[in-house]
Amino acid sequence: MSEADGVRLQKVLAHAGVASRRVVEDMITAGRIVVNGVTVTELGRRIDPERDLVSVDGQAVQLDALKRYVMLNKPVGVISTMRDEQGRADLSAYAHEFAER
């Protein structure tokens, strides 16, 4: 598969749960993403998720992992995010059993 046939890097990383596509685009332009040992700084890069090795801030990203869905009856007062800058109760307290996230 040629690079032109691959999947856009920001789409792959968003599906892997790294961040939203927009945030991943900012990470790419900031030089925080490495593909096969080469820092990517331009948007539009296409990769093969089954072959290419991707890391974010020096940490390898598992691209081909099976998705795990969790059903949760979210308590009142807990916001639907894994991290809240304002210190409100979030979902991270309920995800300690899942190493994937």
N, C-alpha and C. Protein backbone atom coordinates (compact mmCIF):
# COMPACT_ATOMS: atom_id res chain seq x y z
N MET A 1 0.85 -1.17 0.00
CA MET A 1 0.00 0.00 0.00
C MET A 1 0.89 1.24 0.00
N SER A 2 0.65 2.15 -0.91
CA SER A 2 1.42 3.38 -0.97
C SER A 2 0.89 4.37 0.05
N GLU A 3 1.70 5.40 0.35
CA GLU A 3 1.28 6.42 1.31
C GLU A 3 0.01 7.12 0.85
N ALA A 4 -0.16 7.27 -0.46
CA ALA A 4 -1.35 7.94 -0.99
C ALA A 4 -2.62 7.13 -0.72
N ASP A 5 -2.48 5.83 -0.53
CA ASP A 5 -3.64 4.97 -0.29
C ASP A 5 -3.98 4.85 1.20
N GLY A 6 -3.15 5.37 2.06
CA GLY A 6 -3.33 5.21 3.50
C GLY A 6 -4.47 6.04 4.05
N VAL A 7 -4.51 6.08 5.37
CA VAL A 7 -5.54 6.83 6.10
C VAL A 7 -4.85 8.05 6.73
N ARG A 8 -5.56 9.18 6.74
CA ARG A 8 -4.97 10.39 7.32
C ARG A 8 -4.60 10.16 8.79
N LEU A 9 -3.42 10.63 9.12
CA LEU A 9 -2.86 10.43 10.46
C LEU A 9 -3.78 10.94 11.56
N GLN A 10 -4.36 12.13 11.36
CA GLN A 10 -5.22 12.67 12.42
C GLN A 10 -6.47 11.82 12.62
N LYS A 11 -6.97 11.20 11.56
CA LYS A 11 -8.13 10.33 11.68
C LYS A 11 -7.77 9.07 12.46
N VAL A 12 -6.61 8.50 12.15
CA VAL A 12 -6.17 7.28 12.83
C VAL A 12 -5.98 7.54 14.32
N LEU A 13 -5.32 8.65 14.65
CA LEU A 13 -5.07 8.95 16.06
C LEU A 13 -6.35 9.29 16.81
N ALA A 14 -7.28 9.94 16.15
CA ALA A 14 -8.57 10.23 16.78
C ALA A 14 -9.32 8.93 17.07
N HIS A 15 -9.30 8.00 16.12
CA HIS A 15 -9.96 6.71 16.34
C HIS A 15 -9.26 5.89 17.42
N ALA A 16 -7.96 6.10 17.59
CA ALA A 16 -7.22 5.38 18.63
C ALA A 16 -7.46 5.99 20.01
N GLY A 17 -8.17 7.11 20.06
CA GLY A 17 -8.49 7.72 21.34
C GLY A 17 -7.44 8.68 21.87
N VAL A 18 -6.49 9.09 21.03
CA VAL A 18 -5.44 10.01 21.48
C VAL A 18 -6.03 11.37 21.79
N ALA A 19 -6.83 11.89 20.88
CA ALA A 19 -7.47 13.21 21.03
C ALA A 19 -8.43 13.39 19.87
N SER A 20 -9.15 14.50 19.87
CA SER A 20 -10.02 14.80 18.73
C SER A 20 -9.16 15.10 17.50
N ARG A 21 -9.75 15.04 16.33
CA ARG A 21 -8.99 15.32 15.11
C ARG A 21 -8.36 16.70 15.16
N ARG A 22 -9.11 17.67 15.62
CA ARG A 22 -8.59 19.05 15.67
C ARG A 22 -7.40 19.16 16.61
N VAL A 23 -7.48 18.53 17.77
CA VAL A 23 -6.37 18.56 18.72
C VAL A 23 -5.17 17.81 18.15
N VAL A 24 -5.42 16.68 17.47
CA VAL A 24 -4.33 15.94 16.84
C VAL A 24 -3.65 16.81 15.78
N GLU A 25 -4.42 17.58 15.03
CA GLU A 25 -3.82 18.48 14.04
C GLU A 25 -2.88 19.47 14.71
N ASP A 26 -3.27 20.00 15.86
CA ASP A 26 -2.39 20.90 16.61
C ASP A 26 -1.13 20.18 17.09
N MET A 27 -1.30 18.92 17.51
CA MET A 27 -0.16 18.12 17.96
C MET A 27 0.82 17.87 16.81
N ILE A 28 0.28 17.61 15.62
CA ILE A 28 1.12 17.38 14.45
C ILE A 28 1.93 18.63 14.13
N THR A 29 1.27 19.77 14.04
CA THR A 29 1.99 21.00 13.68
C THR A 29 2.98 21.42 14.76
N ALA A 30 2.77 20.96 15.99
CA ALA A 30 3.71 21.25 17.08
C ALA A 30 4.88 20.27 17.10
N GLY A 31 4.86 19.26 16.22
CA GLY A 31 5.95 18.29 16.15
C GLY A 31 5.93 17.24 17.24
N ARG A 32 4.77 16.94 17.78
CA ARG A 32 4.64 15.97 18.86
C ARG A 32 4.39 14.55 18.38
N ILE A 33 4.19 14.35 17.06
CA ILE A 33 3.86 13.04 16.50
C ILE A 33 5.05 12.52 15.70
N VAL A 34 5.41 11.26 15.92
CA VAL A 34 6.50 10.62 15.19
C VAL A 34 5.95 9.37 14.51
N VAL A 35 6.22 9.24 13.21
CA VAL A 35 5.80 8.06 12.44
C VAL A 35 7.05 7.38 11.91
N ASN A 36 7.25 6.13 12.29
CA ASN A 36 8.41 5.34 11.86
C ASN A 36 9.71 6.09 12.10
N GLY A 37 9.82 6.75 13.25
CA GLY A 37 11.04 7.43 13.63
C GLY A 37 11.23 8.82 13.05
N VAL A 38 10.28 9.31 12.27
CA VAL A 38 10.38 10.62 11.64
C VAL A 38 9.29 11.53 12.19
N THR A 39 9.67 12.70 12.69
CA THR A 39 8.70 13.66 13.21
C THR A 39 7.85 14.21 12.08
N VAL A 40 6.54 14.20 12.28
CA VAL A 40 5.59 14.71 11.28
C VAL A 40 5.14 16.09 11.73
N THR A 41 5.27 17.09 10.84
CA THR A 41 4.85 18.45 11.19
C THR A 41 3.87 19.03 10.18
N GLU A 42 3.59 18.29 9.12
CA GLU A 42 2.66 18.77 8.10
C GLU A 42 1.39 17.94 8.10
N LEU A 43 0.26 18.61 7.98
CA LEU A 43 -1.03 17.92 7.94
C LEU A 43 -1.19 17.20 6.61
N GLY A 44 -2.03 16.19 6.59
CA GLY A 44 -2.30 15.46 5.37
C GLY A 44 -1.51 14.18 5.22
N ARG A 45 -0.62 13.89 6.15
CA ARG A 45 0.19 12.67 6.09
C ARG A 45 -0.74 11.46 6.18
N ARG A 46 -0.52 10.49 5.31
CA ARG A 46 -1.31 9.26 5.32
C ARG A 46 -0.42 8.12 5.78
N ILE A 47 -1.01 7.21 6.56
CA ILE A 47 -0.26 6.08 7.08
C ILE A 47 -1.05 4.80 6.89
N ASP A 48 -0.36 3.69 7.07
CA ASP A 48 -0.99 2.37 7.10
C ASP A 48 -1.02 1.94 8.57
N PRO A 49 -2.18 1.96 9.22
CA PRO A 49 -2.26 1.65 10.65
C PRO A 49 -1.76 0.25 11.01
N GLU A 50 -1.74 -0.66 10.05
CA GLU A 50 -1.29 -2.02 10.34
C GLU A 50 0.23 -2.16 10.25
N ARG A 51 0.90 -1.20 9.62
CA ARG A 51 2.35 -1.32 9.43
C ARG A 51 3.16 -0.22 10.10
N ASP A 52 2.64 0.99 10.10
CA ASP A 52 3.41 2.13 10.60
C ASP A 52 3.41 2.18 12.12
N LEU A 53 4.54 2.62 12.67
CA LEU A 53 4.69 2.79 14.11
C LEU A 53 4.54 4.27 14.43
N VAL A 54 3.60 4.58 15.30
CA VAL A 54 3.29 5.97 15.63
C VAL A 54 3.48 6.18 17.13
N SER A 55 4.11 7.32 17.47
CA SER A 55 4.22 7.68 18.88
C SER A 55 3.83 9.14 19.06
N VAL A 56 3.30 9.42 20.23
CA VAL A 56 2.88 10.77 20.60
C VAL A 56 3.63 11.13 21.88
N ASP A 57 4.38 12.20 21.83
CA ASP A 57 5.18 12.64 22.98
C ASP A 57 6.05 11.51 23.52
N GLY A 58 6.60 10.71 22.61
CA GLY A 58 7.50 9.63 22.99
C GLY A 58 6.83 8.34 23.42
N GLN A 59 5.51 8.30 23.45
CA GLN A 59 4.78 7.10 23.86
C GLN A 59 4.15 6.44 22.64
N ALA A 60 4.40 5.15 22.47
CA ALA A 60 3.83 4.42 21.34
C ALA A 60 2.31 4.39 21.44
N VAL A 61 1.66 4.46 20.29
CA VAL A 61 0.20 4.43 20.23
C VAL A 61 -0.22 3.11 19.59
N GLN A 62 -1.12 2.40 20.26
CA GLN A 62 -1.66 1.14 19.73
C GLN A 62 -2.75 1.48 18.73
N LEU A 63 -2.48 1.28 17.44
CA LEU A 63 -3.42 1.69 16.41
C LEU A 63 -4.41 0.60 16.03
N ASP A 64 -4.02 -0.65 16.19
CA ASP A 64 -4.88 -1.73 15.71
C ASP A 64 -5.62 -2.44 16.84
N ALA A 65 -5.75 -1.81 17.97
CA ALA A 65 -6.42 -2.44 19.10
C ALA A 65 -7.91 -2.59 18.83
N LEU A 66 -8.47 -3.66 19.33
CA LEU A 66 -9.91 -3.83 19.22
C LEU A 66 -10.58 -2.82 20.13
N LYS A 67 -11.69 -2.33 19.68
CA LYS A 67 -12.41 -1.35 20.49
C LYS A 67 -13.15 -2.04 21.62
N ARG A 68 -13.19 -1.37 22.73
CA ARG A 68 -13.93 -1.87 23.88
C ARG A 68 -14.97 -0.81 24.22
N TYR A 69 -16.20 -1.22 24.31
CA TYR A 69 -17.28 -0.30 24.63
C TYR A 69 -17.71 -0.55 26.07
N VAL A 70 -17.92 0.52 26.79
CA VAL A 70 -18.32 0.43 28.18
C VAL A 70 -19.63 1.18 28.34
N MET A 71 -20.60 0.51 28.93
CA MET A 71 -21.88 1.16 29.20
C MET A 71 -21.86 1.58 30.68
N LEU A 72 -22.16 2.83 30.90
CA LEU A 72 -22.12 3.36 32.26
C LEU A 72 -23.34 4.22 32.51
N ASN A 73 -23.99 3.97 33.62
CA ASN A 73 -25.07 4.83 34.06
C ASN A 73 -24.41 5.97 34.83
N LYS A 74 -24.11 7.04 34.11
CA LYS A 74 -23.34 8.15 34.66
C LYS A 74 -24.09 8.82 35.80
N PRO A 75 -23.44 8.93 36.95
CA PRO A 75 -24.08 9.60 38.08
C PRO A 75 -24.30 11.09 37.81
N VAL A 76 -25.30 11.65 38.44
CA VAL A 76 -25.57 13.08 38.34
C VAL A 76 -24.37 13.83 38.91
N GLY A 77 -23.96 14.88 38.26
CA GLY A 77 -22.85 15.69 38.74
C GLY A 77 -21.50 15.29 38.17
N VAL A 78 -21.44 14.18 37.45
CA VAL A 78 -20.20 13.74 36.81
C VAL A 78 -20.26 14.18 35.35
N ILE A 79 -19.21 14.87 34.88
CA ILE A 79 -19.22 15.33 33.50
C ILE A 79 -18.60 14.28 32.58
N SER A 80 -19.01 14.30 31.32
CA SER A 80 -18.61 13.27 30.34
C SER A 80 -17.28 13.63 29.67
N THR A 81 -16.22 13.55 30.45
CA THR A 81 -14.87 13.74 29.95
C THR A 81 -13.93 12.95 30.86
N MET A 82 -12.73 12.65 30.37
CA MET A 82 -11.78 11.91 31.18
C MET A 82 -10.94 12.83 32.07
N ARG A 83 -10.87 14.11 31.72
CA ARG A 83 -10.06 15.05 32.47
C ARG A 83 -10.73 16.41 32.43
N ASP A 84 -10.86 17.03 33.57
CA ASP A 84 -11.48 18.35 33.61
C ASP A 84 -10.53 19.35 34.25
N GLU A 85 -10.20 20.40 33.52
CA GLU A 85 -9.27 21.41 34.01
C GLU A 85 -9.84 22.19 35.19
N GLN A 86 -11.15 22.18 35.35
CA GLN A 86 -11.79 22.93 36.42
C GLN A 86 -11.96 22.10 37.70
N GLY A 87 -11.50 20.85 37.68
CA GLY A 87 -11.54 20.02 38.87
C GLY A 87 -12.87 19.38 39.19
N ARG A 88 -13.81 19.43 38.25
CA ARG A 88 -15.11 18.80 38.49
C ARG A 88 -14.99 17.28 38.40
N ALA A 89 -15.94 16.57 38.97
CA ALA A 89 -15.95 15.11 38.90
C ALA A 89 -16.08 14.68 37.45
N ASP A 90 -15.21 13.74 37.02
CA ASP A 90 -15.23 13.28 35.63
C ASP A 90 -15.21 11.76 35.58
N LEU A 91 -15.16 11.21 34.37
CA LEU A 91 -15.25 9.76 34.18
C LEU A 91 -13.97 9.00 34.53
N SER A 92 -12.87 9.69 34.76
CA SER A 92 -11.61 9.00 35.05
C SER A 92 -11.71 8.12 36.30
N ALA A 93 -12.54 8.49 37.24
CA ALA A 93 -12.71 7.69 38.45
C ALA A 93 -13.35 6.33 38.15
N TYR A 94 -14.01 6.21 37.02
CA TYR A 94 -14.71 4.97 36.67
C TYR A 94 -13.94 4.14 35.65
N ALA A 95 -12.81 4.63 35.17
CA ALA A 95 -12.07 3.95 34.10
C ALA A 95 -10.78 3.31 34.59
N HIS A 96 -10.57 3.22 35.88
CA HIS A 96 -9.30 2.69 36.40
C HIS A 96 -9.06 1.23 36.02
N GLU A 97 -10.10 0.48 35.69
CA GLU A 97 -9.95 -0.92 35.29
C GLU A 97 -9.50 -1.08 33.85
N PHE A 98 -9.54 -0.01 33.07
CA PHE A 98 -9.25 -0.09 31.65
C PHE A 98 -7.93 0.58 31.33
N ALA A 99 -6.91 -0.21 31.06
CA ALA A 99 -5.59 0.34 30.77
C ALA A 99 -5.54 1.04 29.42
N GLU A 100 -6.50 0.75 28.55
CA GLU A 100 -6.49 1.33 27.21
C GLU A 100 -6.63 2.83 27.22
N ARG A 101 -7.26 3.36 28.20
CA ARG A 101 -7.55 4.79 28.19
C ARG A 101 -7.07 5.44 29.44
